[in-house]
């Protein structure tokens, strides 16, 4: 838990400690301390404020991403304007919540992001979709993609970006789950992505996500 406001930080540590399936292993009041604590404690998830003295939450997220740190990032902040939202997502955050979120919403985001999925505040998700409306339309479904992606790999990537699970993709494409996993492994290698969340970002950057 990283937040420069003592009342907020200590209150959230107490709240999260009462929730099932969550154990708080550390807390920090600034970005530099957060990076040191994360390196030492190796948490599954960091709950990160954005606006802090010294190193900001954006800079912390960028550094964790640069290091290839396995810790996943959920932003919890009062700053929800587009600049902060998109900067956090570009920096590697997989979750973004405002501080009026309930304990249950925060817990759900932690569990969801820990599993490699994304969890965004509804207002943030709406603005993200509005921004994506301005992205050029994707290539035809049968066309090969960039970076040597085959038409089938491009199709799988679009379904991943749309939020479908491996089982759902297998059902939609009438293939086995093992075949879907093979396509995903090829996608990760060809796009130099670390995980599913990075594949989603890649799909949106390249205009390959489903409209």
N, C-alpha and C. Protein backbone atom coordinates (compact mmCIF):
# COMPACT_ATOMS: atom_id res chain seq x y z
N UNK A 1 0.86 -1.18 0.00
CA UNK A 1 0.00 0.00 0.00
C UNK A 1 0.89 1.22 0.00
N UNK A 2 0.73 2.09 -1.03
CA UNK A 2 1.59 3.27 -1.15
C UNK A 2 0.71 4.52 -1.25
N UNK A 3 0.81 5.38 -0.24
CA UNK A 3 0.05 6.64 -0.23
C UNK A 3 0.73 7.58 0.75
N UNK A 4 0.90 8.83 0.36
CA UNK A 4 1.62 9.77 1.22
C UNK A 4 0.75 10.29 2.36
N UNK A 5 -0.57 10.11 2.29
CA UNK A 5 -1.45 10.59 3.35
C UNK A 5 -1.59 9.49 4.42
N UNK A 6 -1.14 9.79 5.62
CA UNK A 6 -1.08 8.79 6.68
C UNK A 6 -2.45 8.20 6.99
N UNK A 7 -3.46 9.06 7.10
CA UNK A 7 -4.80 8.58 7.43
C UNK A 7 -5.32 7.62 6.37
N UNK A 8 -5.13 7.98 5.11
CA UNK A 8 -5.59 7.13 4.00
C UNK A 8 -4.82 5.83 4.01
N UNK A 9 -3.50 5.91 4.11
CA UNK A 9 -2.66 4.72 4.06
C UNK A 9 -2.98 3.75 5.19
N UNK A 10 -3.02 4.26 6.40
CA UNK A 10 -3.26 3.38 7.54
C UNK A 10 -4.68 2.84 7.53
N UNK A 11 -5.63 3.68 7.08
CA UNK A 11 -7.01 3.21 7.00
C UNK A 11 -7.17 2.09 6.00
N UNK A 12 -6.52 2.21 4.85
CA UNK A 12 -6.62 1.17 3.83
C UNK A 12 -5.90 -0.10 4.26
N UNK A 13 -4.77 0.04 4.93
CA UNK A 13 -4.07 -1.14 5.44
C UNK A 13 -4.98 -1.90 6.39
N UNK A 14 -5.66 -1.18 7.28
CA UNK A 14 -6.58 -1.82 8.22
C UNK A 14 -7.74 -2.48 7.49
N UNK A 15 -8.32 -1.75 6.54
CA UNK A 15 -9.46 -2.28 5.78
C UNK A 15 -9.08 -3.53 5.01
N UNK A 16 -7.98 -3.48 4.29
CA UNK A 16 -7.57 -4.62 3.48
C UNK A 16 -7.22 -5.82 4.34
N UNK A 17 -6.69 -5.56 5.52
CA UNK A 17 -6.34 -6.65 6.43
C UNK A 17 -7.55 -7.42 6.92
N UNK A 18 -8.73 -6.82 6.81
CA UNK A 18 -9.96 -7.48 7.26
C UNK A 18 -10.62 -8.28 6.15
N UNK A 19 -10.14 -8.12 4.92
CA UNK A 19 -10.79 -8.77 3.78
C UNK A 19 -10.21 -10.14 3.51
N UNK A 20 -11.06 -11.06 3.15
CA UNK A 20 -10.65 -12.44 2.90
C UNK A 20 -9.73 -12.53 1.68
N UNK A 21 -8.67 -13.31 1.81
CA UNK A 21 -7.79 -13.57 0.68
C UNK A 21 -6.75 -12.51 0.43
N UNK A 22 -6.66 -11.50 1.30
CA UNK A 22 -5.69 -10.43 1.12
C UNK A 22 -4.84 -10.29 2.37
N UNK A 23 -3.53 -10.22 2.18
CA UNK A 23 -2.61 -9.98 3.30
C UNK A 23 -1.72 -8.80 2.94
N UNK A 24 -1.74 -7.76 3.73
CA UNK A 24 -0.91 -6.59 3.50
C UNK A 24 0.48 -6.87 4.08
N UNK A 25 1.51 -6.80 3.21
CA UNK A 25 2.86 -7.14 3.67
C UNK A 25 3.72 -5.91 3.90
N UNK A 26 3.24 -4.72 3.45
CA UNK A 26 4.04 -3.53 3.66
C UNK A 26 3.28 -2.28 3.25
N UNK A 27 3.82 -1.13 3.66
CA UNK A 27 3.22 0.16 3.32
C UNK A 27 4.33 1.19 3.18
N UNK A 28 4.09 2.16 2.31
CA UNK A 28 5.10 3.20 2.08
C UNK A 28 4.40 4.53 1.85
N UNK A 29 5.12 5.63 2.19
CA UNK A 29 4.56 6.97 2.08
C UNK A 29 5.11 7.76 0.91
N UNK A 30 6.06 7.19 0.17
CA UNK A 30 6.62 7.89 -0.98
C UNK A 30 7.15 6.87 -1.98
N UNK A 31 7.46 7.36 -3.19
CA UNK A 31 7.84 6.47 -4.27
C UNK A 31 9.14 5.73 -4.05
N UNK A 32 10.16 6.41 -3.55
CA UNK A 32 11.45 5.74 -3.34
C UNK A 32 11.34 4.62 -2.31
N UNK A 33 10.64 4.90 -1.21
CA UNK A 33 10.44 3.86 -0.20
C UNK A 33 9.63 2.71 -0.78
N UNK A 34 8.64 3.04 -1.61
CA UNK A 34 7.82 1.99 -2.22
C UNK A 34 8.67 1.05 -3.06
N UNK A 35 9.56 1.59 -3.90
CA UNK A 35 10.40 0.74 -4.74
C UNK A 35 11.30 -0.16 -3.89
N UNK A 36 11.85 0.39 -2.82
CA UNK A 36 12.70 -0.42 -1.94
C UNK A 36 11.90 -1.52 -1.26
N UNK A 37 10.70 -1.19 -0.78
CA UNK A 37 9.86 -2.18 -0.11
C UNK A 37 9.42 -3.28 -1.08
N UNK A 38 9.05 -2.89 -2.29
CA UNK A 38 8.61 -3.87 -3.28
C UNK A 38 9.74 -4.82 -3.63
N UNK A 39 10.95 -4.27 -3.79
CA UNK A 39 12.11 -5.11 -4.10
C UNK A 39 12.39 -6.11 -2.99
N UNK A 40 12.17 -5.70 -1.75
CA UNK A 40 12.45 -6.58 -0.61
C UNK A 40 11.32 -7.57 -0.35
N UNK A 41 10.06 -7.11 -0.46
CA UNK A 41 8.92 -7.93 -0.05
C UNK A 41 8.31 -8.75 -1.18
N UNK A 42 8.54 -8.34 -2.43
CA UNK A 42 8.04 -9.05 -3.61
C UNK A 42 6.54 -9.34 -3.51
N UNK A 43 5.71 -8.30 -3.36
CA UNK A 43 4.26 -8.53 -3.25
C UNK A 43 3.64 -8.90 -4.59
N UNK A 44 2.49 -9.54 -4.55
CA UNK A 44 1.76 -9.86 -5.79
C UNK A 44 1.23 -8.59 -6.44
N UNK A 45 0.74 -7.66 -5.61
CA UNK A 45 0.07 -6.46 -6.10
C UNK A 45 0.52 -5.26 -5.25
N UNK A 46 0.70 -4.12 -5.90
CA UNK A 46 0.91 -2.87 -5.17
C UNK A 46 -0.29 -1.97 -5.44
N UNK A 47 -0.85 -1.43 -4.36
CA UNK A 47 -1.94 -0.45 -4.45
C UNK A 47 -1.30 0.92 -4.36
N UNK A 48 -1.36 1.69 -5.44
CA UNK A 48 -0.46 2.83 -5.62
C UNK A 48 -1.20 4.15 -5.82
N UNK A 49 -0.89 5.14 -5.00
CA UNK A 49 -1.37 6.50 -5.22
C UNK A 49 -0.52 7.13 -6.32
N UNK A 50 -1.03 8.15 -6.99
CA UNK A 50 -0.28 8.77 -8.07
C UNK A 50 0.48 10.02 -7.65
N UNK A 51 -0.19 10.90 -6.91
CA UNK A 51 0.41 12.19 -6.59
C UNK A 51 1.06 12.11 -5.22
N UNK A 52 2.41 12.02 -5.23
CA UNK A 52 3.17 11.92 -3.99
C UNK A 52 4.40 12.82 -4.08
N UNK A 53 4.93 13.26 -2.95
CA UNK A 53 6.15 14.07 -2.99
C UNK A 53 7.32 13.23 -3.52
N UNK A 54 8.24 13.89 -4.23
CA UNK A 54 9.37 13.16 -4.80
C UNK A 54 8.93 12.38 -6.02
N UNK A 55 9.21 11.08 -6.01
CA UNK A 55 8.88 10.22 -7.14
C UNK A 55 7.38 9.93 -7.16
N UNK A 56 6.72 10.26 -8.26
CA UNK A 56 5.27 10.08 -8.35
C UNK A 56 4.90 8.61 -8.55
N UNK A 57 3.60 8.33 -8.42
CA UNK A 57 3.13 6.98 -8.67
C UNK A 57 3.38 6.55 -10.11
N UNK A 58 3.27 7.48 -11.06
CA UNK A 58 3.56 7.18 -12.46
C UNK A 58 5.00 6.73 -12.60
N UNK A 59 5.92 7.44 -11.97
CA UNK A 59 7.34 7.10 -12.05
C UNK A 59 7.63 5.76 -11.37
N UNK A 60 6.93 5.49 -10.28
CA UNK A 60 7.09 4.18 -9.63
C UNK A 60 6.64 3.07 -10.58
N UNK A 61 5.48 3.25 -11.20
CA UNK A 61 4.97 2.24 -12.13
C UNK A 61 5.92 2.05 -13.31
N UNK A 62 6.44 3.16 -13.85
CA UNK A 62 7.38 3.06 -14.97
C UNK A 62 8.64 2.31 -14.57
N UNK A 63 9.14 2.56 -13.37
CA UNK A 63 10.35 1.88 -12.92
C UNK A 63 10.10 0.40 -12.70
N UNK A 64 8.97 0.04 -12.11
CA UNK A 64 8.65 -1.37 -11.92
C UNK A 64 8.53 -2.08 -13.27
N UNK A 65 7.91 -1.42 -14.23
CA UNK A 65 7.78 -2.01 -15.56
C UNK A 65 9.14 -2.15 -16.23
N UNK A 66 9.98 -1.13 -16.10
CA UNK A 66 11.33 -1.17 -16.69
C UNK A 66 12.14 -2.33 -16.11
N UNK A 67 11.98 -2.57 -14.81
CA UNK A 67 12.71 -3.64 -14.15
C UNK A 67 12.16 -5.03 -14.48
N UNK A 68 10.99 -5.07 -15.11
CA UNK A 68 10.35 -6.36 -15.34
C UNK A 68 9.84 -6.99 -14.07
N UNK A 69 9.48 -6.16 -13.09
CA UNK A 69 9.01 -6.64 -11.79
C UNK A 69 7.69 -7.40 -11.96
N UNK A 70 7.55 -8.50 -11.24
CA UNK A 70 6.34 -9.31 -11.36
C UNK A 70 5.15 -8.69 -10.63
N UNK A 71 5.41 -7.75 -9.73
CA UNK A 71 4.33 -7.12 -8.96
C UNK A 71 3.39 -6.36 -9.89
N UNK A 72 2.12 -6.65 -9.77
CA UNK A 72 1.12 -5.97 -10.61
C UNK A 72 0.63 -4.71 -9.91
N UNK A 73 0.19 -3.75 -10.71
CA UNK A 73 -0.07 -2.40 -10.19
C UNK A 73 -1.55 -2.05 -10.29
N UNK A 74 -2.13 -1.67 -9.15
CA UNK A 74 -3.48 -1.10 -9.11
C UNK A 74 -3.35 0.33 -8.60
N UNK A 75 -3.78 1.27 -9.40
CA UNK A 75 -3.76 2.68 -8.99
C UNK A 75 -5.02 3.00 -8.21
N UNK A 76 -4.85 3.67 -7.08
CA UNK A 76 -5.98 4.13 -6.27
C UNK A 76 -5.72 5.60 -5.96
N UNK A 77 -6.49 6.50 -6.57
CA UNK A 77 -6.14 7.92 -6.51
C UNK A 77 -7.38 8.80 -6.59
N UNK A 78 -7.21 10.06 -6.22
CA UNK A 78 -8.27 11.04 -6.44
C UNK A 78 -8.15 11.68 -7.82
N UNK A 79 -7.03 11.46 -8.49
CA UNK A 79 -6.77 12.08 -9.79
C UNK A 79 -7.25 11.15 -10.90
N UNK A 80 -8.38 11.50 -11.51
CA UNK A 80 -8.95 10.61 -12.51
C UNK A 80 -9.15 11.29 -13.87
N UNK A 81 -8.47 12.43 -14.09
CA UNK A 81 -8.58 13.06 -15.40
C UNK A 81 -7.80 12.23 -16.42
N UNK A 82 -8.07 12.48 -17.69
CA UNK A 82 -7.53 11.63 -18.75
C UNK A 82 -6.01 11.55 -18.73
N UNK A 83 -5.32 12.66 -18.48
CA UNK A 83 -3.86 12.65 -18.51
C UNK A 83 -3.30 11.66 -17.50
N UNK A 84 -3.85 11.69 -16.28
CA UNK A 84 -3.37 10.77 -15.25
C UNK A 84 -3.73 9.32 -15.59
N UNK A 85 -4.95 9.11 -16.05
CA UNK A 85 -5.40 7.76 -16.38
C UNK A 85 -4.52 7.13 -17.44
N UNK A 86 -4.36 7.82 -18.57
CA UNK A 86 -3.61 7.24 -19.67
C UNK A 86 -2.12 7.12 -19.34
N UNK A 87 -1.60 8.06 -18.57
CA UNK A 87 -0.19 7.95 -18.16
C UNK A 87 0.01 6.72 -17.28
N UNK A 88 -0.93 6.47 -16.38
CA UNK A 88 -0.82 5.29 -15.50
C UNK A 88 -0.90 4.00 -16.29
N UNK A 89 -1.82 3.93 -17.24
CA UNK A 89 -1.96 2.72 -18.05
C UNK A 89 -0.74 2.51 -18.94
N UNK A 90 -0.22 3.59 -19.51
CA UNK A 90 0.99 3.46 -20.32
C UNK A 90 2.17 3.02 -19.47
N UNK A 91 2.18 3.44 -18.21
CA UNK A 91 3.29 3.07 -17.32
C UNK A 91 3.23 1.62 -16.86
N UNK A 92 2.11 0.96 -17.08
CA UNK A 92 2.02 -0.45 -16.73
C UNK A 92 0.95 -0.82 -15.73
N UNK A 93 0.16 0.16 -15.26
CA UNK A 93 -0.92 -0.16 -14.32
C UNK A 93 -1.96 -1.03 -15.01
N UNK A 94 -2.48 -2.02 -14.29
CA UNK A 94 -3.52 -2.90 -14.82
C UNK A 94 -4.87 -2.63 -14.15
N UNK A 95 -4.84 -1.86 -13.08
CA UNK A 95 -6.07 -1.47 -12.41
C UNK A 95 -6.05 0.02 -12.13
N UNK A 96 -7.23 0.65 -12.17
CA UNK A 96 -7.31 2.08 -11.89
C UNK A 96 -8.64 2.35 -11.20
N UNK A 97 -8.55 2.76 -9.93
CA UNK A 97 -9.74 3.06 -9.14
C UNK A 97 -9.60 4.44 -8.51
N UNK A 98 -10.73 5.10 -8.30
CA UNK A 98 -10.71 6.35 -7.54
C UNK A 98 -10.96 6.04 -6.07
N UNK A 99 -10.62 6.99 -5.21
CA UNK A 99 -10.64 6.73 -3.78
C UNK A 99 -12.04 6.69 -3.18
N UNK A 100 -13.06 6.88 -4.00
CA UNK A 100 -14.41 6.66 -3.49
C UNK A 100 -14.86 5.21 -3.72
N UNK A 101 -13.95 4.36 -4.19
CA UNK A 101 -14.27 2.94 -4.37
C UNK A 101 -14.51 2.28 -3.02
N UNK A 102 -15.38 1.29 -3.00
CA UNK A 102 -15.66 0.56 -1.76
C UNK A 102 -14.56 -0.47 -1.49
N UNK A 103 -14.55 -0.99 -0.28
CA UNK A 103 -13.60 -2.03 0.06
C UNK A 103 -13.74 -3.25 -0.83
N UNK A 104 -15.00 -3.60 -1.15
CA UNK A 104 -15.25 -4.76 -2.02
C UNK A 104 -14.72 -4.51 -3.42
N UNK A 105 -14.85 -3.27 -3.92
CA UNK A 105 -14.35 -2.94 -5.25
C UNK A 105 -12.82 -2.98 -5.29
N UNK A 106 -12.20 -2.50 -4.22
CA UNK A 106 -10.74 -2.53 -4.15
C UNK A 106 -10.25 -3.98 -4.09
N UNK A 107 -10.90 -4.79 -3.27
CA UNK A 107 -10.52 -6.20 -3.16
C UNK A 107 -10.70 -6.91 -4.50
N UNK A 108 -11.80 -6.63 -5.19
CA UNK A 108 -12.04 -7.26 -6.49
C UNK A 108 -10.96 -6.87 -7.48
N UNK A 109 -10.56 -5.60 -7.47
CA UNK A 109 -9.50 -5.15 -8.37
C UNK A 109 -8.19 -5.85 -8.07
N UNK A 110 -7.86 -5.99 -6.79
CA UNK A 110 -6.62 -6.66 -6.40
C UNK A 110 -6.60 -8.10 -6.91
N UNK A 111 -7.69 -8.82 -6.67
CA UNK A 111 -7.74 -10.23 -7.10
C UNK A 111 -7.72 -10.33 -8.63
N UNK A 112 -8.47 -9.46 -9.30
CA UNK A 112 -8.54 -9.51 -10.76
C UNK A 112 -7.18 -9.22 -11.39
N UNK A 113 -6.53 -8.17 -10.92
CA UNK A 113 -5.24 -7.79 -11.48
C UNK A 113 -4.17 -8.82 -11.15
N UNK A 114 -4.25 -9.41 -9.97
CA UNK A 114 -3.30 -10.46 -9.61
C UNK A 114 -3.34 -11.62 -10.60
N UNK A 115 -4.53 -11.87 -11.16
CA UNK A 115 -4.69 -12.97 -12.13
C UNK A 115 -4.34 -12.54 -13.56
N UNK A 116 -3.85 -11.32 -13.72
CA UNK A 116 -3.39 -10.87 -15.03
C UNK A 116 -4.43 -10.16 -15.86
N UNK A 117 -5.60 -9.90 -15.28
CA UNK A 117 -6.66 -9.19 -16.00
C UNK A 117 -6.63 -7.71 -15.63
N UNK A 118 -7.44 -6.92 -16.30
CA UNK A 118 -7.52 -5.49 -16.02
C UNK A 118 -8.80 -5.18 -15.26
N UNK A 119 -8.75 -4.15 -14.40
CA UNK A 119 -9.92 -3.72 -13.64
C UNK A 119 -9.89 -2.21 -13.57
N UNK A 120 -10.85 -1.57 -14.25
CA UNK A 120 -10.89 -0.11 -14.30
C UNK A 120 -12.18 0.41 -13.69
N UNK A 121 -12.08 1.56 -13.01
CA UNK A 121 -13.26 2.26 -12.55
C UNK A 121 -14.19 2.50 -13.74
N UNK A 122 -15.52 2.34 -13.58
CA UNK A 122 -16.44 2.49 -14.72
C UNK A 122 -16.27 3.81 -15.47
N UNK A 123 -16.06 4.92 -14.75
CA UNK A 123 -15.90 6.20 -15.44
C UNK A 123 -14.61 6.23 -16.24
N UNK A 124 -13.58 5.60 -15.71
CA UNK A 124 -12.30 5.52 -16.43
C UNK A 124 -12.45 4.66 -17.67
N UNK A 125 -13.15 3.54 -17.51
CA UNK A 125 -13.36 2.65 -18.64
C UNK A 125 -14.13 3.35 -19.76
N UNK A 126 -15.13 4.15 -19.39
CA UNK A 126 -15.92 4.86 -20.40
C UNK A 126 -15.04 5.84 -21.17
N UNK A 127 -14.21 6.59 -20.47
CA UNK A 127 -13.36 7.57 -21.15
C UNK A 127 -12.31 6.89 -22.01
N UNK A 128 -11.83 5.72 -21.55
CA UNK A 128 -10.87 4.97 -22.36
C UNK A 128 -11.52 4.50 -23.65
N UNK A 129 -12.74 4.02 -23.56
CA UNK A 129 -13.45 3.58 -24.77
C UNK A 129 -13.71 4.74 -25.71
N UNK A 130 -14.03 5.90 -25.13
CA UNK A 130 -14.24 7.09 -25.97
C UNK A 130 -12.96 7.47 -26.70
N UNK A 131 -11.83 7.35 -26.01
CA UNK A 131 -10.56 7.66 -26.65
C UNK A 131 -10.25 6.65 -27.75
N UNK A 132 -10.58 5.39 -27.49
CA UNK A 132 -10.31 4.34 -28.48
C UNK A 132 -11.18 4.51 -29.71
N UNK A 133 -12.32 5.18 -29.56
CA UNK A 133 -13.17 5.45 -30.72
C UNK A 133 -12.44 6.31 -31.76
N UNK A 134 -11.42 7.03 -31.29
CA UNK A 134 -10.68 7.90 -32.19
C UNK A 134 -9.51 7.18 -32.87
N UNK A 135 -9.30 5.89 -32.46
CA UNK A 135 -8.23 5.09 -33.07
C UNK A 135 -8.70 4.61 -34.44
N UNK A 136 -7.82 4.59 -35.45
CA UNK A 136 -8.22 4.09 -36.77
C UNK A 136 -8.79 2.70 -36.68
N UNK A 137 -9.77 2.35 -37.52
CA UNK A 137 -10.40 1.03 -37.45
C UNK A 137 -9.40 -0.08 -37.71
N UNK A 138 -9.63 -1.26 -37.10
CA UNK A 138 -8.70 -2.38 -37.29
C UNK A 138 -8.75 -2.90 -38.71
N UNK A 139 -7.70 -3.65 -39.05
CA UNK A 139 -7.63 -4.28 -40.37
C UNK A 139 -8.70 -5.36 -40.47
N UNK A 140 -9.07 -5.76 -41.70
CA UNK A 140 -10.05 -6.84 -41.87
C UNK A 140 -9.63 -8.09 -41.11
N UNK A 141 -10.64 -8.85 -40.68
CA UNK A 141 -10.37 -9.99 -39.79
C UNK A 141 -9.45 -11.02 -40.42
N UNK A 142 -9.47 -11.18 -41.72
CA UNK A 142 -8.63 -12.20 -42.34
C UNK A 142 -7.23 -11.73 -42.67
N UNK A 143 -6.93 -10.48 -42.42
CA UNK A 143 -5.63 -9.95 -42.81
C UNK A 143 -4.57 -10.29 -41.78
N UNK A 144 -3.34 -10.47 -42.28
CA UNK A 144 -2.22 -10.70 -41.37
C UNK A 144 -1.92 -9.42 -40.61
N UNK A 145 -1.39 -9.56 -39.40
CA UNK A 145 -1.10 -8.40 -38.58
C UNK A 145 0.36 -8.00 -38.66
N UNK A 146 0.75 -6.98 -37.87
CA UNK A 146 2.14 -6.55 -37.83
C UNK A 146 3.01 -7.57 -37.10
N UNK A 147 4.33 -7.38 -37.16
CA UNK A 147 5.28 -8.23 -36.45
C UNK A 147 5.15 -9.70 -36.82
N UNK A 148 4.71 -9.96 -38.03
CA UNK A 148 4.63 -11.34 -38.50
C UNK A 148 3.47 -12.14 -37.94
N UNK A 149 2.46 -11.48 -37.39
CA UNK A 149 1.30 -12.20 -36.86
C UNK A 149 0.51 -12.82 -38.00
N UNK A 150 0.13 -14.08 -37.84
CA UNK A 150 -0.71 -14.74 -38.83
C UNK A 150 -2.16 -14.25 -38.67
N UNK A 151 -3.00 -14.48 -39.69
CA UNK A 151 -4.41 -14.09 -39.55
C UNK A 151 -5.07 -14.71 -38.32
N UNK A 152 -4.77 -15.98 -38.03
CA UNK A 152 -5.39 -16.62 -36.86
C UNK A 152 -4.85 -16.01 -35.57
N UNK A 153 -3.56 -15.71 -35.50
CA UNK A 153 -3.01 -15.07 -34.31
C UNK A 153 -3.62 -13.69 -34.11
N UNK A 154 -3.82 -12.96 -35.20
CA UNK A 154 -4.46 -11.64 -35.11
C UNK A 154 -5.88 -11.78 -34.58
N UNK A 155 -6.58 -12.82 -35.02
CA UNK A 155 -7.95 -13.06 -34.56
C UNK A 155 -7.97 -13.38 -33.07
N UNK A 156 -7.03 -14.21 -32.62
CA UNK A 156 -6.94 -14.55 -31.20
C UNK A 156 -6.62 -13.29 -30.39
N UNK A 157 -5.71 -12.47 -30.90
CA UNK A 157 -5.34 -11.24 -30.20
C UNK A 157 -6.54 -10.32 -30.03
N UNK A 158 -7.37 -10.19 -31.06
CA UNK A 158 -8.57 -9.35 -30.96
C UNK A 158 -9.51 -9.87 -29.88
N UNK A 159 -9.64 -11.18 -29.78
CA UNK A 159 -10.53 -11.76 -28.77
C UNK A 159 -9.96 -11.59 -27.37
N UNK A 160 -8.65 -11.68 -27.24
CA UNK A 160 -8.01 -11.42 -25.94
C UNK A 160 -8.28 -9.97 -25.52
N UNK A 161 -8.11 -9.04 -26.48
CA UNK A 161 -8.33 -7.61 -26.18
C UNK A 161 -9.78 -7.34 -25.82
N UNK A 162 -10.69 -8.17 -26.33
CA UNK A 162 -12.11 -8.00 -26.02
C UNK A 162 -12.48 -8.60 -24.67
N UNK A 163 -11.51 -9.22 -23.99
CA UNK A 163 -11.75 -9.73 -22.64
C UNK A 163 -12.15 -11.18 -22.55
N UNK A 164 -12.03 -11.93 -23.63
CA UNK A 164 -12.44 -13.34 -23.61
C UNK A 164 -11.37 -14.22 -22.96
N UNK A 165 -11.80 -15.22 -22.23
CA UNK A 165 -10.90 -16.20 -21.62
C UNK A 165 -10.43 -17.20 -22.68
N UNK A 166 -9.44 -18.02 -22.32
CA UNK A 166 -8.96 -19.04 -23.25
C UNK A 166 -10.08 -20.00 -23.64
N UNK A 167 -10.89 -20.39 -22.67
CA UNK A 167 -11.99 -21.32 -22.96
C UNK A 167 -13.00 -20.69 -23.92
N UNK A 168 -13.30 -19.41 -23.71
CA UNK A 168 -14.25 -18.72 -24.59
C UNK A 168 -13.70 -18.59 -26.00
N UNK A 169 -12.40 -18.29 -26.10
CA UNK A 169 -11.77 -18.17 -27.42
C UNK A 169 -11.80 -19.52 -28.14
N UNK A 170 -11.51 -20.59 -27.40
CA UNK A 170 -11.54 -21.92 -28.01
C UNK A 170 -12.94 -22.24 -28.55
N UNK A 171 -13.96 -21.86 -27.79
CA UNK A 171 -15.33 -22.13 -28.22
C UNK A 171 -15.70 -21.28 -29.43
N UNK A 172 -15.29 -20.01 -29.43
CA UNK A 172 -15.63 -19.12 -30.54
C UNK A 172 -14.93 -19.52 -31.83
N UNK A 173 -13.72 -20.04 -31.72
CA UNK A 173 -12.95 -20.39 -32.92
C UNK A 173 -13.01 -21.87 -33.26
N UNK A 174 -13.74 -22.64 -32.45
CA UNK A 174 -13.89 -24.07 -32.68
C UNK A 174 -12.53 -24.79 -32.70
N UNK A 175 -11.69 -24.44 -31.73
CA UNK A 175 -10.39 -25.09 -31.59
C UNK A 175 -10.25 -25.54 -30.14
N UNK A 176 -9.20 -26.30 -29.86
CA UNK A 176 -8.97 -26.77 -28.50
C UNK A 176 -8.34 -25.66 -27.65
N UNK A 177 -8.44 -25.82 -26.33
CA UNK A 177 -7.81 -24.85 -25.43
C UNK A 177 -6.30 -24.89 -25.60
N UNK A 178 -5.74 -26.07 -25.88
CA UNK A 178 -4.29 -26.18 -26.09
C UNK A 178 -3.86 -25.37 -27.31
N UNK A 179 -4.69 -25.38 -28.36
CA UNK A 179 -4.38 -24.59 -29.56
C UNK A 179 -4.39 -23.11 -29.25
N UNK A 180 -5.35 -22.68 -28.44
CA UNK A 180 -5.40 -21.27 -28.04
C UNK A 180 -4.14 -20.90 -27.27
N UNK A 181 -3.70 -21.75 -26.36
CA UNK A 181 -2.49 -21.48 -25.58
C UNK A 181 -1.27 -21.39 -26.49
N UNK A 182 -1.23 -22.24 -27.52
CA UNK A 182 -0.12 -22.18 -28.47
C UNK A 182 -0.11 -20.84 -29.19
N UNK A 183 -1.30 -20.39 -29.65
CA UNK A 183 -1.38 -19.09 -30.30
C UNK A 183 -0.95 -17.97 -29.36
N UNK A 184 -1.36 -18.06 -28.11
CA UNK A 184 -0.99 -17.03 -27.13
C UNK A 184 0.52 -17.00 -26.92
N UNK A 185 1.15 -18.15 -26.84
CA UNK A 185 2.60 -18.20 -26.69
C UNK A 185 3.30 -17.55 -27.88
N UNK A 186 2.78 -17.81 -29.08
CA UNK A 186 3.35 -17.19 -30.28
C UNK A 186 3.15 -15.67 -30.23
N UNK A 187 1.96 -15.24 -29.79
CA UNK A 187 1.68 -13.81 -29.69
C UNK A 187 2.63 -13.13 -28.70
N UNK A 188 2.83 -13.75 -27.55
CA UNK A 188 3.72 -13.17 -26.55
C UNK A 188 5.13 -13.01 -27.11
N UNK A 189 5.59 -14.03 -27.84
CA UNK A 189 6.94 -13.98 -28.40
C UNK A 189 7.06 -12.93 -29.50
N UNK A 190 6.10 -12.91 -30.41
CA UNK A 190 6.18 -12.01 -31.57
C UNK A 190 5.99 -10.55 -31.19
N UNK A 191 5.21 -10.29 -30.16
CA UNK A 191 4.94 -8.91 -29.75
C UNK A 191 5.83 -8.44 -28.60
N UNK A 192 6.72 -9.35 -28.14
CA UNK A 192 7.60 -9.05 -27.01
C UNK A 192 6.79 -8.62 -25.79
N UNK A 193 5.67 -9.30 -25.57
CA UNK A 193 4.80 -9.01 -24.42
C UNK A 193 5.10 -9.98 -23.30
N UNK A 194 4.97 -9.49 -22.07
CA UNK A 194 5.24 -10.31 -20.90
C UNK A 194 4.04 -11.15 -20.49
N UNK A 195 2.85 -10.60 -20.71
CA UNK A 195 1.65 -11.26 -20.21
C UNK A 195 0.44 -10.80 -21.00
N UNK A 196 -0.71 -11.27 -20.55
CA UNK A 196 -1.96 -10.99 -21.27
C UNK A 196 -2.29 -9.50 -21.28
N UNK A 197 -2.02 -8.83 -20.18
CA UNK A 197 -2.33 -7.40 -20.11
C UNK A 197 -1.51 -6.61 -21.14
N UNK A 198 -0.26 -6.98 -21.34
CA UNK A 198 0.55 -6.30 -22.34
C UNK A 198 0.06 -6.60 -23.75
N UNK A 199 -0.46 -7.81 -23.96
CA UNK A 199 -1.05 -8.13 -25.26
C UNK A 199 -2.23 -7.22 -25.57
N UNK A 200 -3.04 -6.95 -24.54
CA UNK A 200 -4.19 -6.07 -24.72
C UNK A 200 -3.72 -4.67 -25.12
N UNK A 201 -2.72 -4.16 -24.42
CA UNK A 201 -2.20 -2.83 -24.75
C UNK A 201 -1.63 -2.81 -26.17
N UNK A 202 -0.93 -3.89 -26.53
CA UNK A 202 -0.37 -4.00 -27.89
C UNK A 202 -1.50 -3.94 -28.93
N UNK A 203 -2.58 -4.68 -28.68
CA UNK A 203 -3.69 -4.71 -29.63
C UNK A 203 -4.29 -3.33 -29.84
N UNK A 204 -4.45 -2.58 -28.75
CA UNK A 204 -5.03 -1.24 -28.88
C UNK A 204 -4.06 -0.28 -29.56
N UNK A 205 -2.76 -0.39 -29.23
CA UNK A 205 -1.78 0.49 -29.86
C UNK A 205 -1.72 0.27 -31.37
N UNK A 206 -1.86 -0.98 -31.78
CA UNK A 206 -1.75 -1.31 -33.21
C UNK A 206 -3.08 -1.25 -33.95
N UNK A 207 -4.15 -0.85 -33.26
CA UNK A 207 -5.45 -0.76 -33.91
C UNK A 207 -6.02 -2.11 -34.27
N UNK A 208 -5.68 -3.15 -33.49
CA UNK A 208 -6.13 -4.51 -33.81
C UNK A 208 -7.29 -4.96 -32.92
N UNK A 209 -7.68 -4.14 -31.96
CA UNK A 209 -8.77 -4.53 -31.07
C UNK A 209 -10.10 -4.49 -31.83
N UNK A 210 -11.01 -5.35 -31.39
CA UNK A 210 -12.33 -5.38 -32.01
C UNK A 210 -13.06 -4.08 -31.74
N UNK A 211 -13.82 -3.53 -32.73
CA UNK A 211 -14.55 -2.28 -32.50
C UNK A 211 -15.70 -2.50 -31.55
